[in-house]
Structure formats: structure tokens, C-alpha cells
Amino acid sequence: MTTSKKKRFLYLSNFLFVLGLLAIILVAYFLIQSIRETFYQNRFENQYEFISLEEEGVVDPVQVFHGVKVNTFLQDEEDSGKKSGNIIIEVKDEPEAKLKGFTVQSGQEGMSAFDDAIQYKIMVENETGNESFIVSMRMTPKSEKLSSNPIKYRTYSINENGVISESNFDLGSKSNLQTQWIRGLSGEKYGYYTNLPYQKGGAISLLFLTLLGILFIMSGIWLRRRALLTGKDKVA
């Protein structure tokens, strides 16, 4: 083996070794984050509980929580007969938010028609028994080209005293509770530390990346040993 060929083998072996090491580090990172996510979710479920608002399998768009009325409807739906338009959210019979660019699902009853845009939830703190009514909204429709702009969300939280709190955020700035409030919007289930445990094939992806990393590392070691041993044989 010539000196130049030996150097190429050594460079390739180093490249494969580093590539494999990076893959293993990436797997370790997501594995640690997944463990953190599991502990976080278990802790949340011990602290809070969501109460279903379904009646006969349907969540009514009109809800009254401790004297605060919330209503969701499609603007001009009855007049135009269309299933697309502006989704209006009213709080205390006053327009609070308007969602543009969403399409209401045909043939769906109650809040199921607005699954891509808005959800109602009642959350109870187990220790105190205090309830909160949560209105979660995805402000960015699927049809909008996101490019570098993050998906925007808004929530209204109504406590037992009728006090309303508004929060605006995206996936990068959401808090622990906001992580839970937006779950299920557009069929997505987001995590606080990582989304991996909630994605189909997440475990398989980690396993494949682990095997790939090991393969790269072993290949790098084998190439390096081959280059060094061939060089020694030539000298002898």
C-alpha cells in the first residue's frame, strides 16, 4: 500500500468514526430527552386532569363556565352555505378572535368540525380541585406556507372566578401547561422536551440510527487497522 493510499484510508476511517460517534451522540440526546419527557408527562398527569366536555359523543360549541359564555361558529355559514370562511370565537357574547383561512370539516357535529383550529378543555388541579376552562387555537392554518415562520397559537384560560387570561406563543416558546393545551390541534401531539415519543416509528428511528452509528464506528476502526497493518507488513 502506497503512502498516499494509506493516508486516504486513514482519513476515511477517521471520517467514518466521527460520523458514527455523532450518530451515537444524537441518539443519546434524544433518548435522554425522551426520558425527561416521560417523567414530565407522568408528573403532569399526577397534578392535573382533563375533564371531557362530550355529551352523547359531541362537544357543543356553546359552553358556559362559571358564568362565562364561550361560543365558536363559522361566519355567515347559514347565509352562504359554505364550509370555509372566518371562524369566530365569542367570549361573553363579544367577538374575541377571528381565525382566517381554515376550512370547517363537512359532516362533523359540534366542535369536531373545528378540530384543525380550536379546542375546548376543562383542566382540574388535583391537589386543590380548582378548575380552568381552556380555549386553545391554532392561529396559522395548514394552507399557509410557513417557510421560516413558526406556527402560532393562542389560548384563553378562564378560572373559577371568571377571570380570563390570554397567551400567545409558538412551539419554541410554549410553557409546560401550554404543551398540554394544544395537544390534538390539527391531529398533532407535541411534547415539552421532545416530540419523539408521540411520533410513529420514533423508537425504530432511534434503533436504526444506533445501528448505523455502530456500523460507521466499526468500519472506521477496521479501515484504520487495515491501513496500519498493511503499512507494517510492507516495512517488514
Protein backbone atom coordinates (compact mmCIF):
# COMPACT_ATOMS: atom_id res chain seq x y z
CA MET A 1 0.00 0.00 0.00
CA THR A 2 1.46 3.37 -1.02
CA THR A 3 1.80 6.20 1.49
CA SER A 4 -0.87 8.31 -0.27
CA LYS A 5 -3.30 5.39 -0.32
CA LYS A 6 -2.61 4.70 3.34
CA LYS A 7 -3.40 8.34 4.18
CA ARG A 8 -6.65 8.15 2.24
CA PHE A 9 -7.65 5.05 4.18
CA LEU A 10 -6.79 6.77 7.46
CA TYR A 11 -8.78 9.88 6.50
CA LEU A 12 -11.76 7.72 5.52
CA SER A 13 -11.52 5.71 8.74
CA ASN A 14 -11.45 8.92 10.81
CA PHE A 15 -14.40 10.30 8.88
CA LEU A 16 -16.48 7.15 9.44
CA PHE A 17 -15.52 7.03 13.12
CA VAL A 18 -16.51 10.67 13.69
CA LEU A 19 -19.75 10.18 11.72
CA GLY A 20 -20.65 7.14 13.81
CA LEU A 21 -19.79 8.98 17.02
CA LEU A 22 -22.04 11.89 16.05
CA ALA A 23 -24.89 9.45 15.33
CA ILE A 24 -24.48 7.83 18.76
CA ILE A 25 -24.39 11.26 20.46
CA LEU A 26 -27.57 12.23 18.61
CA VAL A 27 -29.28 9.02 19.76
CA ALA A 28 -28.14 9.64 23.34
CA TYR A 29 -29.52 13.19 23.23
CA PHE A 30 -32.97 12.14 22.02
CA LEU A 31 -33.02 9.19 24.41
CA ILE A 32 -32.31 11.48 27.37
CA GLN A 33 -34.93 13.96 26.17
CA SER A 34 -37.46 11.15 25.75
CA ILE A 35 -36.83 10.01 29.33
CA ARG A 36 -37.27 13.60 30.55
CA GLU A 37 -40.49 13.82 28.54
CA THR A 38 -41.81 10.62 30.14
CA PHE A 39 -41.13 11.89 33.66
CA TYR A 40 -42.62 15.30 32.80
CA GLN A 41 -45.80 13.75 31.39
CA ASN A 42 -46.23 11.43 34.38
CA ARG A 43 -45.76 14.36 36.76
CA PHE A 44 -48.32 16.42 34.87
CA GLU A 45 -50.88 13.61 34.90
CA ASN A 46 -50.45 13.31 38.67
CA GLN A 47 -51.02 17.04 39.13
CA TYR A 48 -53.77 17.73 36.60
CA GLU A 49 -56.70 16.01 34.96
CA PHE A 50 -58.71 16.90 31.86
CA ILE A 51 -62.49 16.52 32.02
CA SER A 52 -64.35 15.60 28.86
CA LEU A 53 -66.96 18.05 27.61
CA GLU A 54 -68.60 15.48 25.35
CA GLU A 55 -72.32 14.89 25.63
CA GLU A 56 -73.52 11.93 23.55
CA GLY A 57 -70.16 11.99 21.77
CA VAL A 58 -70.35 15.67 20.79
CA VAL A 59 -68.79 18.81 22.33
CA ASP A 60 -71.22 21.70 21.99
CA PRO A 61 -69.66 24.90 20.54
CA VAL A 62 -71.58 26.90 23.15
CA GLN A 63 -70.23 26.39 26.66
CA VAL A 64 -70.83 28.30 29.89
CA PHE A 65 -68.11 28.05 32.54
CA HIS A 66 -68.78 29.79 35.89
CA GLY A 67 -70.89 32.44 34.17
CA VAL A 68 -68.56 32.96 31.20
CA LYS A 69 -70.14 32.02 27.86
CA VAL A 70 -67.88 30.79 25.05
CA ASN A 71 -69.11 30.20 21.51
CA THR A 72 -67.42 29.13 18.27
CA PHE A 73 -69.05 29.40 14.85
CA LEU A 74 -68.31 29.86 11.16
CA GLN A 75 -69.10 33.36 9.99
CA ASP A 76 -72.00 33.58 7.52
CA GLU A 77 -72.26 29.79 7.32
CA GLU A 78 -76.07 29.78 7.26
CA ASP A 79 -76.31 32.55 4.66
CA SER A 80 -73.73 31.33 2.19
CA GLY A 81 -73.89 27.57 2.80
CA LYS A 82 -70.10 27.44 2.58
CA LYS A 83 -67.89 25.31 4.73
CA SER A 84 -64.96 27.73 4.67
CA GLY A 85 -64.61 31.22 5.98
CA ASN A 86 -63.71 33.01 9.19
CA ILE A 87 -64.07 31.09 12.43
CA ILE A 88 -65.31 33.41 15.15
CA ILE A 89 -64.74 32.84 18.87
CA GLU A 90 -67.01 34.79 21.16
CA VAL A 91 -66.48 35.24 24.89
CA LYS A 92 -69.36 36.75 26.86
CA ASP A 93 -71.17 37.30 23.53
CA GLU A 94 -68.36 39.57 22.31
CA PRO A 95 -66.07 38.61 19.38
CA GLU A 96 -62.72 37.70 20.92
CA ALA A 97 -60.81 36.17 18.00
CA LYS A 98 -61.17 35.58 14.26
CA LEU A 99 -59.38 32.68 12.55
CA LYS A 100 -58.92 33.15 8.81
CA GLY A 101 -58.09 30.58 6.15
CA PHE A 102 -59.45 27.48 7.89
CA THR A 103 -61.88 25.00 6.33
CA VAL A 104 -64.61 23.53 8.51
CA GLN A 105 -64.90 19.76 8.16
CA SER A 106 -68.11 18.74 6.42
CA GLY A 107 -70.36 16.20 8.12
CA GLN A 108 -68.91 16.81 11.58
CA GLU A 109 -71.02 17.84 14.56
CA GLY A 110 -70.21 20.30 17.31
CA MET A 111 -66.57 21.20 17.93
CA SER A 112 -65.38 18.25 15.82
CA ALA A 113 -65.87 20.46 12.76
CA PHE A 114 -63.21 22.85 14.10
CA ASP A 115 -60.57 20.26 15.05
CA ASP A 116 -57.91 21.86 12.87
CA ALA A 117 -58.34 25.24 14.51
CA ILE A 118 -59.76 25.21 18.03
CA GLN A 119 -60.39 23.03 21.09
CA TYR A 120 -62.21 23.35 24.39
CA LYS A 121 -60.77 21.72 27.51
CA ILE A 122 -61.50 21.76 31.23
CA MET A 123 -58.44 21.18 33.37
CA VAL A 124 -58.59 20.36 37.08
CA GLU A 125 -55.71 20.71 39.52
CA ASN A 126 -55.91 17.51 41.56
CA GLU A 127 -54.47 18.94 44.78
CA THR A 128 -56.76 21.97 45.05
CA GLY A 129 -59.68 20.91 42.86
CA ASN A 130 -59.54 24.26 41.05
CA GLU A 131 -60.92 24.15 37.51
CA SER A 132 -59.88 26.11 34.42
CA PHE A 133 -61.65 26.30 31.08
CA ILE A 134 -59.13 26.37 28.23
CA VAL A 135 -59.80 27.57 24.69
CA SER A 136 -56.84 26.53 22.50
CA MET A 137 -56.41 27.92 18.99
CA ARG A 138 -54.02 27.34 16.15
CA MET A 139 -53.70 30.78 14.55
CA THR A 140 -51.75 29.55 11.49
CA PRO A 141 -53.81 27.46 9.04
CA LYS A 142 -52.30 24.41 7.34
CA SER A 143 -52.78 26.02 3.95
CA GLU A 144 -50.44 28.88 4.84
CA LYS A 145 -46.84 28.49 3.69
CA LEU A 146 -44.80 28.53 6.88
CA SER A 147 -41.29 28.91 5.42
CA SER A 148 -39.25 30.13 8.38
CA ASN A 149 -42.23 31.43 10.35
CA PRO A 150 -43.28 29.23 13.29
CA ILE A 151 -46.86 28.04 13.78
CA LYS A 152 -48.62 30.47 16.10
CA TYR A 153 -51.04 29.51 18.86
CA ARG A 154 -53.30 31.37 21.26
CA THR A 155 -55.06 30.20 24.39
CA TYR A 156 -57.69 31.69 26.66
CA SER A 157 -57.73 30.39 30.22
CA ILE A 158 -60.83 31.09 32.32
CA ASN A 159 -60.63 30.41 36.06
CA GLU A 160 -63.46 29.76 38.51
CA ASN A 161 -63.77 33.49 39.24
CA GLY A 162 -64.43 34.24 35.58
CA VAL A 163 -61.04 35.89 35.08
CA ILE A 164 -59.79 35.44 31.51
CA SER A 165 -56.07 35.16 30.69
CA GLU A 166 -54.80 35.28 27.11
CA SER A 167 -51.46 33.88 25.93
CA ASN A 168 -49.81 33.83 22.50
CA PHE A 169 -46.93 31.51 21.72
CA ASP A 170 -45.35 29.11 19.24
CA LEU A 171 -43.83 25.65 19.60
CA GLY A 172 -40.47 27.10 20.60
CA SER A 173 -41.83 29.32 23.37
CA LYS A 174 -44.64 27.21 24.83
CA SER A 175 -44.74 26.53 28.58
CA ASN A 176 -45.43 23.25 30.38
CA LEU A 177 -49.18 23.82 30.53
CA GLN A 178 -49.40 25.22 27.01
CA THR A 179 -47.82 21.99 25.78
CA GLN A 180 -50.87 20.13 27.09
CA TRP A 181 -53.41 22.71 25.95
CA ILE A 182 -52.52 22.48 22.25
CA ARG A 183 -52.37 18.69 22.11
CA GLY A 184 -54.63 17.30 19.42
CA LEU A 185 -54.91 20.52 17.41
CA SER A 186 -54.56 19.54 13.75
CA GLY A 187 -54.10 15.95 14.93
CA GLU A 188 -50.66 16.70 16.39
CA LYS A 189 -49.34 15.70 19.79
CA TYR A 190 -46.42 17.81 20.93
CA GLY A 191 -44.03 17.20 23.79
CA TYR A 192 -42.35 19.74 26.03
CA TYR A 193 -38.81 18.37 25.71
CA THR A 194 -39.22 16.31 22.53
CA ASN A 195 -42.00 15.10 20.23
CA LEU A 196 -40.24 11.78 19.59
CA PRO A 197 -42.26 9.57 22.00
CA TYR A 198 -45.50 10.67 20.28
CA GLN A 199 -44.34 10.13 16.70
CA LYS A 200 -45.00 6.92 14.82
CA GLY A 201 -41.79 4.98 14.32
CA GLY A 202 -39.80 7.09 16.78
CA ALA A 203 -38.29 4.09 18.57
CA ILE A 204 -37.47 2.40 15.27
CA SER A 205 -35.72 5.55 14.04
CA LEU A 206 -33.55 5.66 17.17
CA LEU A 207 -32.70 1.96 16.82
CA PHE A 208 -31.79 2.39 13.14
CA LEU A 209 -29.61 5.41 13.92
CA THR A 210 -27.89 3.48 16.71
CA LEU A 211 -27.09 0.56 14.41
CA LEU A 212 -25.89 2.95 11.72
CA GLY A 213 -23.63 4.70 14.21
CA ILE A 214 -22.15 1.41 15.41
CA LEU A 215 -21.62 0.32 11.79
CA PHE A 216 -19.77 3.55 10.96
CA ILE A 217 -17.58 3.28 14.06
CA MET A 218 -16.71 -0.38 13.42
CA SER A 219 -15.99 0.36 9.74
CA GLY A 220 -13.73 3.22 10.73
CA ILE A 221 -11.81 1.04 13.18
CA TRP A 222 -11.49 -1.76 10.64
CA LEU A 223 -10.18 0.55 7.91
CA ARG A 224 -7.68 2.13 10.28
CA ARG A 225 -6.37 -1.25 11.45
CA ARG A 226 -6.14 -2.48 7.86
CA ALA A 227 -4.16 0.58 6.78
CA LEU A 228 -1.77 0.36 9.74
CA LEU A 229 -1.25 -3.42 9.47
CA THR A 230 -0.64 -3.21 5.70
CA GLY A 231 1.90 -0.48 6.30
CA LYS A 232 3.75 -2.61 8.87
CA ASP A 233 3.76 -5.64 6.53
CA LYS A 234 5.25 -3.55 3.77
CA VAL A 235 8.04 -2.26 6.04
CA ALA A 236 8.85 -5.81 7.22
